[in-house]
PDB file of N, CA and C in Angstrom:
ATOM      1  N   MET A   1       7.177  -1.562   0.454  1.00  0.00           N
ATOM      2  CA  MET A   1       6.911  -2.975   0.589  1.00  0.00           C
ATOM      3  C   MET A   1       7.196  -3.450   2.012  1.00  0.00           C
ATOM      4  N   ASP A   2       8.181  -2.864   2.673  1.00  0.00           N
ATOM      5  CA  ASP A   2       8.485  -3.288   4.037  1.00  0.00           C
ATOM      6  C   ASP A   2       7.307  -3.042   4.976  1.00  0.00           C
ATOM      7  N   VAL A   3       6.623  -1.933   4.781  1.00  0.00           N
ATOM      8  CA  VAL A   3       5.469  -1.632   5.628  1.00  0.00           C
ATOM      9  C   VAL A   3       4.391  -2.689   5.428  1.00  0.00           C
ATOM     10  N   VAL A   4       4.133  -3.067   4.193  1.00  0.00           N
ATOM     11  CA  VAL A   4       3.121  -4.076   3.905  1.00  0.00           C
ATOM     12  C   VAL A   4       3.560  -5.424   4.464  1.00  0.00           C
ATOM     13  N   ARG A   5       4.827  -5.763   4.312  1.00  0.00           N
ATOM     14  CA  ARG A   5       5.350  -7.040   4.804  1.00  0.00           C
ATOM     15  C   ARG A   5       5.263  -7.148   6.322  1.00  0.00           C
ATOM     16  N   GLN A   6       5.566  -6.055   7.010  1.00  0.00           N
ATOM     17  CA  GLN A   6       5.626  -6.092   8.465  1.00  0.00           C
ATOM     18  C   GLN A   6       4.250  -6.001   9.125  1.00  0.00           C
ATOM     19  N   ALA A   7       3.242  -5.615   8.380  1.00  0.00           N
ATOM     20  CA  ALA A   7       1.899  -5.493   8.946  1.00  0.00           C
ATOM     21  C   ALA A   7       1.341  -6.875   9.269  1.00  0.00           C
ATOM     22  N   ASP A   8       0.592  -6.944  10.351  1.00  0.00           N
ATOM     23  CA  ASP A   8       0.009  -8.220  10.743  1.00  0.00           C
ATOM     24  C   ASP A   8      -1.339  -8.476  10.087  1.00  0.00           C
ATOM     25  N   ARG A   9      -1.803  -7.516   9.279  1.00  0.00           N
ATOM     26  CA  ARG A   9      -3.057  -7.658   8.534  1.00  0.00           C
ATOM     27  C   ARG A   9      -2.979  -6.790   7.283  1.00  0.00           C
ATOM     28  N   PRO A  10      -3.905  -6.936   6.356  1.00  0.00           N
ATOM     29  CA  PRO A  10      -3.886  -6.114   5.145  1.00  0.00           C
ATOM     30  C   PRO A  10      -3.958  -4.621   5.483  1.00  0.00           C
ATOM     31  N   VAL A  11      -3.259  -3.813   4.714  1.00  0.00           N
ATOM     32  CA  VAL A  11      -3.199  -2.374   4.969  1.00  0.00           C
ATOM     33  C   VAL A  11      -3.701  -1.588   3.761  1.00  0.00           C
ATOM     34  N   MET A  12      -4.146  -0.379   4.040  1.00  0.00           N
ATOM     35  CA  MET A  12      -4.559   0.531   2.988  1.00  0.00           C
ATOM     36  C   MET A  12      -3.381   1.433   2.647  1.00  0.00           C
ATOM     37  N   VAL A  13      -3.433   2.045   1.475  1.00  0.00           N
ATOM     38  CA  VAL A  13      -2.341   2.908   1.032  1.00  0.00           C
ATOM     39  C   VAL A  13      -2.140   4.062   2.007  1.00  0.00           C
ATOM     40  N   LYS A  14      -3.221   4.615   2.551  1.00  0.00           N
ATOM     41  CA  LYS A  14      -3.065   5.734   3.473  1.00  0.00           C
ATOM     42  C   LYS A  14      -2.341   5.307   4.749  1.00  0.00           C
ATOM     43  N   GLN A  15      -2.465   4.045   5.151  1.00  0.00           N
ATOM     44  CA  GLN A  15      -1.720   3.551   6.302  1.00  0.00           C
ATOM     45  C   GLN A  15      -0.233   3.451   5.973  1.00  0.00           C
ATOM     46  N   VAL A  16       0.084   3.047   4.745  1.00  0.00           N
ATOM     47  CA  VAL A  16       1.478   2.991   4.308  1.00  0.00           C
ATOM     48  C   VAL A  16       2.064   4.402   4.297  1.00  0.00           C
ATOM     49  N   CYS A  17       1.319   5.360   3.761  1.00  0.00           N
ATOM     50  CA  CYS A  17       1.780   6.748   3.714  1.00  0.00           C
ATOM     51  C   CYS A  17       2.034   7.288   5.120  1.00  0.00           C
ATOM     52  N   THR A  18       1.119   7.020   6.034  1.00  0.00           N
ATOM     53  CA  THR A  18       1.272   7.479   7.411  1.00  0.00           C
ATOM     54  C   THR A  18       2.527   6.884   8.034  1.00  0.00           C
ATOM     55  N   GLU A  19       2.741   5.606   7.823  1.00  0.00           N
ATOM     56  CA  GLU A  19       3.919   4.929   8.383  1.00  0.00           C
ATOM     57  C   GLU A  19       5.217   5.504   7.822  1.00  0.00           C
ATOM     58  N   LEU A  20       5.195   5.923   6.559  1.00  0.00           N
ATOM     59  CA  LEU A  20       6.388   6.478   5.920  1.00  0.00           C
ATOM     60  C   LEU A  20       6.539   7.976   6.143  1.00  0.00           C
ATOM     61  N   GLY A  21       5.557   8.587   6.804  1.00  0.00           N
ATOM     62  CA  GLY A  21       5.625  10.015   7.074  1.00  0.00           C
ATOM     63  C   GLY A  21       5.253  10.877   5.880  1.00  0.00           C
ATOM     64  N   ILE A  22       4.488  10.318   4.947  1.00  0.00           N
ATOM     65  CA  ILE A  22       4.047  11.038   3.754  1.00  0.00           C
ATOM     66  C   ILE A  22       2.679  11.639   4.050  1.00  0.00           C
ATOM     67  N   SER A  23       2.493  12.886   3.664  1.00  0.00           N
ATOM     68  CA  SER A  23       1.227  13.574   3.882  1.00  0.00           C
ATOM     69  C   SER A  23       0.087  12.837   3.184  1.00  0.00           C
ATOM     70  N   LEU A  24      -1.088  12.908   3.750  1.00  0.00           N
ATOM     71  CA  LEU A  24      -2.254  12.246   3.166  1.00  0.00           C
ATOM     72  C   LEU A  24      -2.981  13.119   2.157  1.00  0.00           C
ATOM     73  N   GLU A  25      -2.425  14.298   1.863  1.00  0.00           N
ATOM     74  CA  GLU A  25      -3.007  15.143   0.828  1.00  0.00           C
ATOM     75  C   GLU A  25      -2.972  14.376  -0.491  1.00  0.00           C
ATOM     76  N   PRO A  26      -4.014  14.509  -1.313  1.00  0.00           N
ATOM     77  CA  PRO A  26      -4.037  13.771  -2.582  1.00  0.00           C
ATOM     78  C   PRO A  26      -2.800  14.003  -3.450  1.00  0.00           C
ATOM     79  N   ALA A  27      -2.283  15.214  -3.469  1.00  0.00           N
ATOM     80  CA  ALA A  27      -1.105  15.505  -4.287  1.00  0.00           C
ATOM     81  C   ALA A  27       0.129  14.745  -3.805  1.00  0.00           C
ATOM     82  N   ARG A  28       0.200  14.480  -2.518  1.00  0.00           N
ATOM     83  CA  ARG A  28       1.364  13.782  -1.940  1.00  0.00           C
ATOM     84  C   ARG A  28       1.196  12.265  -1.913  1.00  0.00           C
ATOM     85  N   SER A  29      -0.017  11.793  -1.716  1.00  0.00           N
ATOM     86  CA  SER A  29      -0.220  10.353  -1.555  1.00  0.00           C
ATOM     87  C   SER A  29      -0.475   9.635  -2.877  1.00  0.00           C
ATOM     88  N   GLU A  30      -0.632  10.366  -3.969  1.00  0.00           N
ATOM     89  CA  GLU A  30      -0.932   9.712  -5.248  1.00  0.00           C
ATOM     90  C   GLU A  30       0.270   8.936  -5.790  1.00  0.00           C
ATOM     91  N   ALA A  31       1.474   9.437  -5.610  1.00  0.00           N
ATOM     92  CA  ALA A  31       2.666   8.743  -6.108  1.00  0.00           C
ATOM     93  C   ALA A  31       2.851   7.378  -5.428  1.00  0.00           C
ATOM     94  N   PRO A  32       2.804   7.300  -4.088  1.00  0.00           N
ATOM     95  CA  PRO A  32       2.909   5.977  -3.460  1.00  0.00           C
ATOM     96  C   PRO A  32       1.755   5.048  -3.851  1.00  0.00           C
ATOM     97  N   ARG A  33       0.557   5.616  -4.000  1.00  0.00           N
ATOM     98  CA  ARG A  33      -0.598   4.812  -4.400  1.00  0.00           C
ATOM     99  C   ARG A  33      -0.360   4.198  -5.778  1.00  0.00           C
ATOM    100  N   ALA A  34       0.115   5.000  -6.709  1.00  0.00           N
ATOM    101  CA  ALA A  34       0.370   4.517  -8.070  1.00  0.00           C
ATOM    102  C   ALA A  34       1.470   3.446  -8.070  1.00  0.00           C
ATOM    103  N   LYS A  35       2.516   3.670  -7.292  1.00  0.00           N
ATOM    104  CA  LYS A  35       3.606   2.696  -7.235  1.00  0.00           C
ATOM    105  C   LYS A  35       3.141   1.370  -6.645  1.00  0.00           C
ATOM    106  N   LEU A  36       2.358   1.436  -5.572  1.00  0.00           N
ATOM    107  CA  LEU A  36       1.858   0.204  -4.969  1.00  0.00           C
ATOM    108  C   LEU A  36       0.891  -0.513  -5.904  1.00  0.00           C
ATOM    109  N   ASN A  37       0.090   0.229  -6.649  1.00  0.00           N
ATOM    110  CA  ASN A  37      -0.818  -0.395  -7.615  1.00  0.00           C
ATOM    111  C   ASN A  37      -0.046  -1.080  -8.741  1.00  0.00           C
ATOM    112  N   ARG A  38       1.031  -0.449  -9.217  1.00  0.00           N
ATOM    113  CA  ARG A  38       1.854  -1.078 -10.257  1.00  0.00           C
ATOM    114  C   ARG A  38       2.505  -2.351  -9.734  1.00  0.00           C
ATOM    115  N   LEU A  39       2.989  -2.313  -8.496  1.00  0.00           N
ATOM    116  CA  LEU A  39       3.573  -3.513  -7.907  1.00  0.00           C
ATOM    117  C   LEU A  39       2.525  -4.612  -7.749  1.00  0.00           C
ATOM    118  N   ALA A  40       1.313  -4.226  -7.363  1.00  0.00           N
ATOM    119  CA  ALA A  40       0.234  -5.204  -7.195  1.00  0.00           C
ATOM    120  C   ALA A  40      -0.134  -5.846  -8.533  1.00  0.00           C
ATOM    121  N   GLU A  41      -0.059  -5.093  -9.624  1.00  0.00           N
ATOM    122  CA  GLU A  41      -0.320  -5.660 -10.948  1.00  0.00           C
ATOM    123  C   GLU A  41       0.693  -6.740 -11.293  1.00  0.00           C
ATOM    124  N   ARG A  42       1.894  -6.619 -10.750  1.00  0.00           N
ATOM    125  CA  ARG A  42       2.949  -7.596 -10.993  1.00  0.00           C
ATOM    126  C   ARG A  42       2.898  -8.762 -10.009  1.00  0.00           C
ATOM    127  N   GLY A  43       1.992  -8.672  -9.032  1.00  0.00           N
ATOM    128  CA  GLY A  43       1.813  -9.789  -8.119  1.00  0.00           C
ATOM    129  C   GLY A  43       2.434  -9.641  -6.750  1.00  0.00           C
ATOM    130  N   TRP A  44       3.081  -8.532  -6.476  1.00  0.00           N
ATOM    131  CA  TRP A  44       3.605  -8.319  -5.126  1.00  0.00           C
ATOM    132  C   TRP A  44       3.558  -6.862  -4.793  1.00  0.00           C
ATOM    133  N   PRO A  45       2.795  -6.463  -3.876  1.00  0.00           N
ATOM    134  CA  PRO A  45       1.962  -7.236  -2.957  1.00  0.00           C
ATOM    135  C   PRO A  45       0.663  -7.657  -3.621  1.00  0.00           C
ATOM    136  N   ARG A  46      -0.157  -8.403  -2.899  1.00  0.00           N
ATOM    137  CA  ARG A  46      -1.481  -8.773  -3.419  1.00  0.00           C
ATOM    138  C   ARG A  46      -2.469  -7.673  -3.056  1.00  0.00           C
ATOM    139  N   LYS A  47      -3.320  -7.333  -4.007  1.00  0.00           N
ATOM    140  CA  LYS A  47      -4.361  -6.342  -3.740  1.00  0.00           C
ATOM    141  C   LYS A  47      -5.678  -7.086  -3.592  1.00  0.00           C
ATOM    142  N   LEU A  48      -6.310  -6.921  -2.461  1.00  0.00           N
ATOM    143  CA  LEU A  48      -7.563  -7.592  -2.167  1.00  0.00           C
ATOM    144  C   LEU A  48      -8.730  -6.841  -2.808  1.00  0.00           C
ATOM    145  N   ALA A  49      -9.887  -7.463  -2.812  1.00  0.00           N
ATOM    146  CA  ALA A  49     -11.071  -6.876  -3.441  1.00  0.00           C
ATOM    147  C   ALA A  49     -11.469  -5.545  -2.800  1.00  0.00           C
ATOM    148  N   ASP A  50     -11.180  -5.368  -1.515  1.00  0.00           N
ATOM    149  CA  ASP A  50     -11.536  -4.123  -0.844  1.00  0.00           C
ATOM    150  C   ASP A  50     -10.471  -3.033  -1.004  1.00  0.00           C
ATOM    151  N   GLY A  51      -9.411  -3.319  -1.783  1.00  0.00           N
ATOM    152  CA  GLY A  51      -8.375  -2.336  -2.054  1.00  0.00           C
ATOM    153  C   GLY A  51      -7.196  -2.385  -1.105  1.00  0.00           C
ATOM    154  N   LYS A  52      -7.263  -3.224  -0.100  1.00  0.00           N
ATOM    155  CA  LYS A  52      -6.155  -3.322   0.849  1.00  0.00           C
ATOM    156  C   LYS A  52      -5.044  -4.180   0.264  1.00  0.00           C
ATOM    157  N   LEU A  53      -3.844  -3.971   0.771  1.00  0.00           N
ATOM    158  CA  LEU A  53      -2.660  -4.676   0.281  1.00  0.00           C
ATOM    159  C   LEU A  53      -2.141  -5.640   1.323  1.00  0.00           C
ATOM    160  N   THR A  54      -1.661  -6.788   0.863  1.00  0.00           N
ATOM    161  CA  THR A  54      -1.099  -7.778   1.767  1.00  0.00           C
ATOM    162  C   THR A  54      -0.045  -8.596   1.025  1.00  0.00           C
ATOM    163  N   THR A  55       0.810  -9.251   1.766  1.00  0.00           N
ATOM    164  CA  THR A  55       1.783 -10.147   1.150  1.00  0.00           C
ATOM    165  C   THR A  55       1.378 -11.593   1.362  1.00  0.00           C
ATOM    166  N   THR A  56       0.378 -11.821   2.206  1.00  0.00           N
ATOM    167  CA  THR A  56      -0.109 -13.184   2.469  1.00  0.00           C
ATOM    168  C   THR A  56      -1.622 -13.200   2.356  1.00  0.00           C
ATOM    169  N   LEU A  57      -2.170 -14.384   2.146  1.00  0.00           N
ATOM    170  CA  LEU A  57      -3.629 -14.535   2.120  1.00  0.00           C
ATOM    171  C   LEU A  57      -4.102 -15.367   3.267  1.00  0.00           C
TER     172      LEU A  57
END
């Protein structure tokens, strides 16, 4: 969430993974993707129509 909060624009999950030093291989990036999607379902962060994540609109 800190990566999404600190970004000056909406970010994609692969950008979050890169910032956290997580490999972009599907086996490695699926866990953060799933966690961010679950958080987005709860309303934080917001998931935009293009799949990017943001904390502001």
